[in-house]
Amino acid sequence: MPQRYRVDITRTAERDTAAIYAHIARDDPPAAAAWLDSVERNITSRPRRCPIIPEASELEVEYRHLVNAPCRAVFRIVGSG
């Protein structure tokens, strides 16, 4: 089983993810569920594979992002897994 990490996701990313899920689910609920599962799985099982965001130097916090069309999820790693 892959190692799991605890991550904090920005409120904006949570809201955007929920809105995108709802939008996809209107036409194709299974596709929406698969998309959300992919986002969650990639963030929690392989967060260090996601690049550090370009804005990190300005924020002085190591946020990373996952681009999974049509969204960009921004998060930071809290635990080491």
C-alpha atoms as a PDB file:
ATOM      1  CA  MET A   1       0.000   0.000   0.000  1.00  0.00           C
ATOM      2  CA  PRO A   2       1.380   3.453  -0.874  1.00  0.00           C
ATOM      3  CA  GLN A   3       2.493   5.723   1.924  1.00  0.00           C
ATOM      4  CA  ARG A   4      -0.185   8.300   2.864  1.00  0.00           C
ATOM      5  CA  TYR A   5       0.543  11.900   3.752  1.00  0.00           C
ATOM      6  CA  ARG A   6      -1.523  14.423   5.628  1.00  0.00           C
ATOM      7  CA  VAL A   7      -1.848  17.568   3.563  1.00  0.00           C
ATOM      8  CA  ASP A   8      -3.536  20.918   4.068  1.00  0.00           C
ATOM      9  CA  ILE A   9      -5.419  22.174   1.043  1.00  0.00           C
ATOM     10  CA  THR A  10      -6.182  25.869   0.689  1.00  0.00           C
ATOM     11  CA  ARG A  11      -9.792  26.909   1.158  1.00  0.00           C
ATOM     12  CA  THR A  12      -9.813  28.275  -2.353  1.00  0.00           C
ATOM     13  CA  ALA A  13      -8.696  24.915  -3.732  1.00  0.00           C
ATOM     14  CA  GLU A  14     -11.384  23.126  -1.735  1.00  0.00           C
ATOM     15  CA  ARG A  15     -14.106  25.447  -3.036  1.00  0.00           C
ATOM     16  CA  ASP A  16     -12.840  25.230  -6.598  1.00  0.00           C
ATOM     17  CA  THR A  17     -12.592  21.446  -6.436  1.00  0.00           C
ATOM     18  CA  ALA A  18     -16.156  21.176  -5.139  1.00  0.00           C
ATOM     19  CA  ALA A  19     -17.421  23.484  -7.892  1.00  0.00           C
ATOM     20  CA  ILE A  20     -15.567  21.566 -10.602  1.00  0.00           C
ATOM     21  CA  TYR A  21     -16.842  18.263  -9.232  1.00  0.00           C
ATOM     22  CA  ALA A  22     -20.425  19.564  -9.254  1.00  0.00           C
ATOM     23  CA  HIS A  23     -20.019  20.874 -12.789  1.00  0.00           C
ATOM     24  CA  ILE A  24     -18.690  17.554 -14.103  1.00  0.00           C
ATOM     25  CA  ALA A  25     -21.272  15.562 -12.107  1.00  0.00           C
ATOM     26  CA  ARG A  26     -24.176  17.364 -13.777  1.00  0.00           C
ATOM     27  CA  ASP A  27     -23.339  15.565 -17.026  1.00  0.00           C
ATOM     28  CA  ASP A  28     -21.364  12.535 -15.867  1.00  0.00           C
ATOM     29  CA  PRO A  29     -21.384  11.595 -12.166  1.00  0.00           C
ATOM     30  CA  PRO A  30     -18.979   8.632 -12.595  1.00  0.00           C
ATOM     31  CA  ALA A  31     -16.466  10.878 -14.403  1.00  0.00           C
ATOM     32  CA  ALA A  32     -16.735  13.440 -11.598  1.00  0.00           C
ATOM     33  CA  ALA A  33     -16.081  10.756  -8.990  1.00  0.00           C
ATOM     34  CA  ALA A  34     -13.107   9.406 -10.971  1.00  0.00           C
ATOM     35  CA  TRP A  35     -11.664  12.906 -11.378  1.00  0.00           C
ATOM     36  CA  LEU A  36     -11.990  13.680  -7.657  1.00  0.00           C
ATOM     37  CA  ASP A  37     -10.513  10.295  -6.716  1.00  0.00           C
ATOM     38  CA  SER A  38      -7.527  10.983  -8.975  1.00  0.00           C
ATOM     39  CA  VAL A  39      -6.908  14.395  -7.413  1.00  0.00           C
ATOM     40  CA  GLU A  40      -7.184  13.081  -3.855  1.00  0.00           C
ATOM     41  CA  ARG A  41      -5.051   9.989  -4.561  1.00  0.00           C
ATOM     42  CA  ASN A  42      -2.248  11.984  -6.181  1.00  0.00           C
ATOM     43  CA  ILE A  43      -2.143  14.571  -3.417  1.00  0.00           C
ATOM     44  CA  THR A  44      -2.239  12.120  -0.506  1.00  0.00           C
ATOM     45  CA  SER A  45      -0.079   9.306  -1.869  1.00  0.00           C
ATOM     46  CA  ARG A  46       2.545  11.142  -3.935  1.00  0.00           C
ATOM     47  CA  PRO A  47       2.578  14.789  -2.852  1.00  0.00           C
ATOM     48  CA  ARG A  48       6.343  15.208  -3.187  1.00  0.00           C
ATOM     49  CA  ARG A  49       6.060  14.410  -6.895  1.00  0.00           C
ATOM     50  CA  CYS A  50       4.018  17.573  -7.307  1.00  0.00           C
ATOM     51  CA  PRO A  51       6.111  20.673  -7.993  1.00  0.00           C
ATOM     52  CA  ILE A  52       6.550  23.555  -5.592  1.00  0.00           C
ATOM     53  CA  ILE A  53       4.463  26.494  -6.775  1.00  0.00           C
ATOM     54  CA  PRO A  54       6.281  29.455  -8.329  1.00  0.00           C
ATOM     55  CA  GLU A  55       4.725  31.767  -5.727  1.00  0.00           C
ATOM     56  CA  ALA A  56       6.333  29.844  -2.825  1.00  0.00           C
ATOM     57  CA  SER A  57       9.303  32.191  -2.545  1.00  0.00           C
ATOM     58  CA  GLU A  58       6.943  35.137  -2.030  1.00  0.00           C
ATOM     59  CA  LEU A  59       4.823  33.241   0.496  1.00  0.00           C
ATOM     60  CA  GLU A  60       7.804  31.814   2.375  1.00  0.00           C
ATOM     61  CA  VAL A  61       5.907  28.527   2.655  1.00  0.00           C
ATOM     62  CA  GLU A  62       6.515  25.422   0.572  1.00  0.00           C
ATOM     63  CA  TYR A  63       3.195  24.982  -1.173  1.00  0.00           C
ATOM     64  CA  ARG A  64       2.946  22.467  -3.984  1.00  0.00           C
ATOM     65  CA  HIS A  65       0.386  22.056  -6.704  1.00  0.00           C
ATOM     66  CA  LEU A  66      -1.273  19.361  -8.730  1.00  0.00           C
ATOM     67  CA  VAL A  67      -2.600  20.305 -12.116  1.00  0.00           C
ATOM     68  CA  ASN A  68      -5.372  17.872 -12.992  1.00  0.00           C
ATOM     69  CA  ALA A  69      -7.478  19.456 -15.705  1.00  0.00           C
ATOM     70  CA  PRO A  70      -9.475  21.533 -15.280  1.00  0.00           C
ATOM     71  CA  CYS A  71      -8.044  22.619 -11.920  1.00  0.00           C
ATOM     72  CA  ARG A  72      -4.863  23.399 -10.054  1.00  0.00           C
ATOM     73  CA  ALA A  73      -4.960  22.131  -6.469  1.00  0.00           C
ATOM     74  CA  VAL A  74      -2.595  23.993  -4.138  1.00  0.00           C
ATOM     75  CA  PHE A  75      -1.503  22.238  -0.949  1.00  0.00           C
ATOM     76  CA  ARG A  76       1.306  21.890   1.536  1.00  0.00           C
ATOM     77  CA  ILE A  77       2.717  18.756   3.094  1.00  0.00           C
ATOM     78  CA  VAL A  78       2.165  18.632   6.847  1.00  0.00           C
ATOM     79  CA  GLY A  79       3.332  15.122   7.818  1.00  0.00           C
ATOM     80  CA  SER A  80       6.108  12.988   6.441  1.00  0.00           C
ATOM     81  CA  GLY A  81       3.907   9.967   5.817  1.00  0.00           C
END
